[in-house]
Amino acid sequence: MILDAKYDRQALRAEAIAQSHSHQIPLQIFHCDAPLEVLQTRLQQRTGDIADATADLLAQQQLDPFTTAEQPYVTRLDTTQDVEAQLEFRG
């Protein structure tokens, strides 16, 4: 299961975690991040897809902090770096 940026709210993530537990589905949360200016540039350069994300919306988006209960599932990835290397390092 892949959940997108809409799951920036803790209540939505809590429901997804509860569902994964009740259905015995393994869960990982990959928190992909980059500096704001990098994200803005990427969004401004996007063309030809169905995503509604724009650089204007980026300023309005705020991630609820991950709770103590969520932390074991979270892997943080800096998308300006080699993501595969980051995942290998976390093994």
N, C-alpha and C. Protein backbone atom coordinates (compact mmCIF):
# COMPACT_ATOMS: atom_id res chain seq x y z
N MET A 1 0.84 -1.16 0.00
CA MET A 1 0.00 0.00 0.00
C MET A 1 0.89 1.23 0.00
N ILE A 2 0.58 2.19 -0.84
CA ILE A 2 1.32 3.45 -0.88
C ILE A 2 0.35 4.57 -0.54
N LEU A 3 0.73 5.37 0.44
CA LEU A 3 -0.07 6.51 0.86
C LEU A 3 0.71 7.77 0.51
N ASP A 4 0.04 8.73 -0.07
CA ASP A 4 0.76 9.91 -0.52
C ASP A 4 0.75 11.03 0.51
N ALA A 5 1.10 12.21 0.07
CA ALA A 5 1.23 13.37 0.96
C ALA A 5 -0.08 13.74 1.64
N LYS A 6 -1.18 13.23 1.18
CA LYS A 6 -2.46 13.49 1.84
C LYS A 6 -2.45 12.95 3.27
N TYR A 7 -1.56 12.01 3.53
CA TYR A 7 -1.44 11.42 4.86
C TYR A 7 -0.48 12.22 5.74
N ASP A 8 -0.52 13.53 5.54
CA ASP A 8 0.29 14.43 6.37
C ASP A 8 -0.32 14.61 7.75
N ARG A 9 -1.55 14.16 7.93
CA ARG A 9 -2.25 14.28 9.20
C ARG A 9 -2.14 13.00 10.01
N GLN A 10 -1.85 13.14 11.29
CA GLN A 10 -1.64 11.99 12.16
C GLN A 10 -2.86 11.10 12.23
N ALA A 11 -4.05 11.68 12.26
CA ALA A 11 -5.28 10.87 12.35
C ALA A 11 -5.42 9.93 11.15
N LEU A 12 -5.07 10.40 9.96
CA LEU A 12 -5.14 9.55 8.77
C LEU A 12 -4.09 8.43 8.83
N ARG A 13 -2.89 8.78 9.30
CA ARG A 13 -1.85 7.75 9.44
C ARG A 13 -2.24 6.73 10.49
N ALA A 14 -2.83 7.18 11.59
CA ALA A 14 -3.24 6.25 12.66
C ALA A 14 -4.24 5.22 12.12
N GLU A 15 -5.15 5.66 11.28
CA GLU A 15 -6.13 4.74 10.69
C GLU A 15 -5.43 3.74 9.77
N ALA A 16 -4.48 4.20 8.98
CA ALA A 16 -3.75 3.31 8.09
C ALA A 16 -2.94 2.28 8.90
N ILE A 17 -2.34 2.72 9.99
CA ILE A 17 -1.59 1.81 10.85
C ILE A 17 -2.52 0.78 11.47
N ALA A 18 -3.66 1.22 11.94
CA ALA A 18 -4.64 0.30 12.54
C ALA A 18 -5.11 -0.73 11.51
N GLN A 19 -5.36 -0.29 10.29
CA GLN A 19 -5.80 -1.22 9.23
C GLN A 19 -4.69 -2.21 8.89
N SER A 20 -3.45 -1.74 8.85
CA SER A 20 -2.35 -2.66 8.53
C SER A 20 -2.22 -3.72 9.62
N HIS A 21 -2.40 -3.32 10.87
CA HIS A 21 -2.34 -4.29 11.97
C HIS A 21 -3.51 -5.27 11.91
N SER A 22 -4.70 -4.76 11.68
CA SER A 22 -5.87 -5.64 11.70
C SER A 22 -5.86 -6.65 10.54
N HIS A 23 -5.21 -6.28 9.44
CA HIS A 23 -5.13 -7.18 8.29
C HIS A 23 -3.76 -7.85 8.17
N GLN A 24 -2.92 -7.64 9.18
CA GLN A 24 -1.59 -8.24 9.23
C GLN A 24 -0.77 -7.93 7.97
N ILE A 25 -0.81 -6.67 7.57
CA ILE A 25 -0.05 -6.19 6.41
C ILE A 25 1.17 -5.44 6.95
N PRO A 26 2.37 -5.81 6.51
CA PRO A 26 3.56 -5.07 6.97
C PRO A 26 3.47 -3.60 6.59
N LEU A 27 4.03 -2.76 7.42
CA LEU A 27 3.91 -1.32 7.21
C LEU A 27 5.27 -0.65 7.34
N GLN A 28 5.55 0.24 6.40
CA GLN A 28 6.69 1.14 6.48
C GLN A 28 6.21 2.51 6.04
N ILE A 29 6.71 3.53 6.71
CA ILE A 29 6.41 4.91 6.32
C ILE A 29 7.71 5.51 5.81
N PHE A 30 7.74 5.89 4.55
CA PHE A 30 8.90 6.56 3.99
C PHE A 30 8.58 8.05 3.93
N HIS A 31 9.28 8.80 4.73
CA HIS A 31 9.09 10.25 4.75
C HIS A 31 10.14 10.86 3.83
N CYS A 32 9.72 11.21 2.63
CA CYS A 32 10.62 11.79 1.63
C CYS A 32 10.63 13.30 1.79
N ASP A 33 11.83 13.86 1.83
CA ASP A 33 11.94 15.29 2.05
C ASP A 33 13.09 15.87 1.23
N ALA A 34 13.02 17.16 1.03
CA ALA A 34 14.07 17.94 0.37
C ALA A 34 13.89 19.38 0.83
N PRO A 35 14.91 20.20 0.66
CA PRO A 35 14.75 21.61 1.02
C PRO A 35 13.61 22.26 0.24
N LEU A 36 12.97 23.23 0.85
CA LEU A 36 11.80 23.90 0.26
C LEU A 36 12.08 24.40 -1.15
N GLU A 37 13.23 25.01 -1.37
CA GLU A 37 13.52 25.55 -2.71
C GLU A 37 13.64 24.45 -3.75
N VAL A 38 14.12 23.29 -3.36
CA VAL A 38 14.20 22.14 -4.28
C VAL A 38 12.79 21.66 -4.62
N LEU A 39 11.94 21.54 -3.61
CA LEU A 39 10.56 21.11 -3.84
C LEU A 39 9.82 22.09 -4.75
N GLN A 40 10.00 23.38 -4.52
CA GLN A 40 9.35 24.40 -5.35
C GLN A 40 9.79 24.27 -6.80
N THR A 41 11.09 24.12 -7.02
CA THR A 41 11.60 23.98 -8.39
C THR A 41 11.04 22.74 -9.06
N ARG A 42 11.01 21.63 -8.36
CA ARG A 42 10.47 20.39 -8.92
C ARG A 42 9.01 20.56 -9.32
N LEU A 43 8.24 21.19 -8.47
CA LEU A 43 6.82 21.38 -8.77
C LEU A 43 6.62 22.33 -9.95
N GLN A 44 7.43 23.36 -10.04
CA GLN A 44 7.31 24.31 -11.15
C GLN A 44 7.68 23.66 -12.48
N GLN A 45 8.53 22.67 -12.45
CA GLN A 45 8.98 22.00 -13.67
C GLN A 45 8.07 20.84 -14.09
N ARG A 46 7.11 20.49 -13.26
CA ARG A 46 6.22 19.36 -13.56
C ARG A 46 5.26 19.70 -14.68
N THR A 47 5.14 18.79 -15.61
CA THR A 47 4.18 18.95 -16.70
C THR A 47 3.64 17.60 -17.11
N GLY A 48 2.44 17.59 -17.63
CA GLY A 48 1.89 16.39 -18.25
C GLY A 48 1.47 15.27 -17.33
N ASP A 49 1.22 15.55 -16.05
CA ASP A 49 0.73 14.48 -15.18
C ASP A 49 -0.59 14.93 -14.54
N ILE A 50 -1.21 14.04 -13.81
CA ILE A 50 -2.52 14.34 -13.25
C ILE A 50 -2.46 14.94 -11.86
N ALA A 51 -1.26 15.08 -11.30
CA ALA A 51 -1.12 15.59 -9.94
C ALA A 51 -1.62 17.03 -9.85
N ASP A 52 -2.24 17.33 -8.72
CA ASP A 52 -2.73 18.69 -8.51
C ASP A 52 -1.77 19.53 -7.68
N ALA A 53 -0.61 18.98 -7.35
CA ALA A 53 0.36 19.70 -6.53
C ALA A 53 0.98 20.84 -7.34
N THR A 54 1.06 21.99 -6.70
CA THR A 54 1.72 23.15 -7.30
C THR A 54 2.62 23.77 -6.24
N ALA A 55 3.53 24.61 -6.69
CA ALA A 55 4.41 25.31 -5.75
C ALA A 55 3.60 26.18 -4.80
N ASP A 56 2.46 26.70 -5.26
CA ASP A 56 1.60 27.52 -4.40
C ASP A 56 1.02 26.69 -3.25
N LEU A 57 0.63 25.45 -3.53
CA LEU A 57 0.07 24.58 -2.49
C LEU A 57 1.12 24.13 -1.49
N LEU A 58 2.37 24.07 -1.91
CA LEU A 58 3.44 23.60 -1.05
C LEU A 58 3.54 24.42 0.24
N ALA A 59 3.37 25.72 0.13
CA ALA A 59 3.46 26.60 1.30
C ALA A 59 2.36 26.31 2.32
N GLN A 60 1.24 25.77 1.86
CA GLN A 60 0.11 25.49 2.75
C GLN A 60 0.22 24.12 3.42
N GLN A 61 1.07 23.27 2.90
CA GLN A 61 1.16 21.90 3.40
C GLN A 61 2.02 21.84 4.65
N GLN A 62 1.47 21.21 5.68
CA GLN A 62 2.22 21.02 6.92
C GLN A 62 2.01 19.60 7.39
N LEU A 63 3.10 18.94 7.68
CA LEU A 63 3.07 17.56 8.16
C LEU A 63 2.91 17.56 9.67
N ASP A 64 1.89 16.84 10.16
CA ASP A 64 1.81 16.62 11.61
C ASP A 64 3.05 15.82 12.00
N PRO A 65 3.70 16.17 13.09
CA PRO A 65 4.89 15.41 13.51
C PRO A 65 4.53 13.94 13.72
N PHE A 66 5.51 13.08 13.44
CA PHE A 66 5.29 11.66 13.68
C PHE A 66 5.26 11.41 15.18
N THR A 67 4.30 10.60 15.61
CA THR A 67 4.15 10.29 17.03
C THR A 67 5.17 9.23 17.44
N THR A 68 5.28 9.03 18.73
CA THR A 68 6.16 7.99 19.25
C THR A 68 5.74 6.62 18.71
N ALA A 69 4.44 6.40 18.59
CA ALA A 69 3.92 5.13 18.07
C ALA A 69 4.25 4.94 16.59
N GLU A 70 4.36 6.04 15.84
CA GLU A 70 4.67 5.96 14.41
C GLU A 70 6.16 5.79 14.14
N GLN A 71 7.00 6.28 15.03
CA GLN A 71 8.44 6.32 14.79
C GLN A 71 9.06 5.00 14.35
N PRO A 72 8.67 3.85 14.92
CA PRO A 72 9.30 2.59 14.46
C PRO A 72 9.06 2.28 12.98
N TYR A 73 8.04 2.87 12.39
CA TYR A 73 7.70 2.60 10.99
C TYR A 73 8.36 3.59 10.03
N VAL A 74 8.91 4.69 10.55
CA VAL A 74 9.36 5.81 9.72
C VAL A 74 10.80 5.65 9.29
N THR A 75 11.01 5.78 7.98
CA THR A 75 12.34 5.90 7.39
C THR A 75 12.35 7.24 6.69
N ARG A 76 13.26 8.10 7.09
CA ARG A 76 13.38 9.43 6.47
C ARG A 76 14.36 9.36 5.31
N LEU A 77 13.95 9.93 4.18
CA LEU A 77 14.77 9.93 2.98
C LEU A 77 14.94 11.35 2.47
N ASP A 78 16.17 11.76 2.26
CA ASP A 78 16.47 13.05 1.65
C ASP A 78 16.51 12.82 0.15
N THR A 79 15.52 13.31 -0.57
CA THR A 79 15.41 13.01 -2.00
C THR A 79 16.38 13.83 -2.86
N THR A 80 17.23 14.63 -2.23
CA THR A 80 18.30 15.28 -2.99
C THR A 80 19.55 14.41 -2.98
N GLN A 81 19.49 13.30 -2.24
CA GLN A 81 20.62 12.37 -2.13
C GLN A 81 20.24 11.05 -2.80
N ASP A 82 21.19 10.14 -2.89
CA ASP A 82 20.96 8.82 -3.46
C ASP A 82 20.06 8.02 -2.53
N VAL A 83 18.81 7.83 -2.94
CA VAL A 83 17.82 7.16 -2.10
C VAL A 83 18.19 5.69 -1.88
N GLU A 84 18.67 5.02 -2.92
CA GLU A 84 19.06 3.61 -2.76
C GLU A 84 20.15 3.46 -1.72
N ALA A 85 21.11 4.34 -1.72
CA ALA A 85 22.19 4.28 -0.74
C ALA A 85 21.65 4.51 0.67
N GLN A 86 20.70 5.41 0.82
CA GLN A 86 20.10 5.65 2.12
C GLN A 86 19.36 4.41 2.63
N LEU A 87 18.66 3.73 1.73
CA LEU A 87 17.94 2.52 2.13
C LEU A 87 18.90 1.38 2.46
N GLU A 88 19.98 1.24 1.71
CA GLU A 88 20.98 0.22 2.01
C GLU A 88 21.60 0.46 3.37
N PHE A 89 21.89 1.72 3.66
CA PHE A 89 22.51 2.07 4.94
C PHE A 89 21.62 1.68 6.11
N ARG A 90 20.30 1.80 5.93
CA ARG A 90 19.36 1.47 7.00
C ARG A 90 19.10 -0.03 7.07
N GLY A 91 19.48 -0.73 5.99
CA GLY A 91 19.44 -2.16 5.88
C GLY A 91 18.26 -2.82 6.32
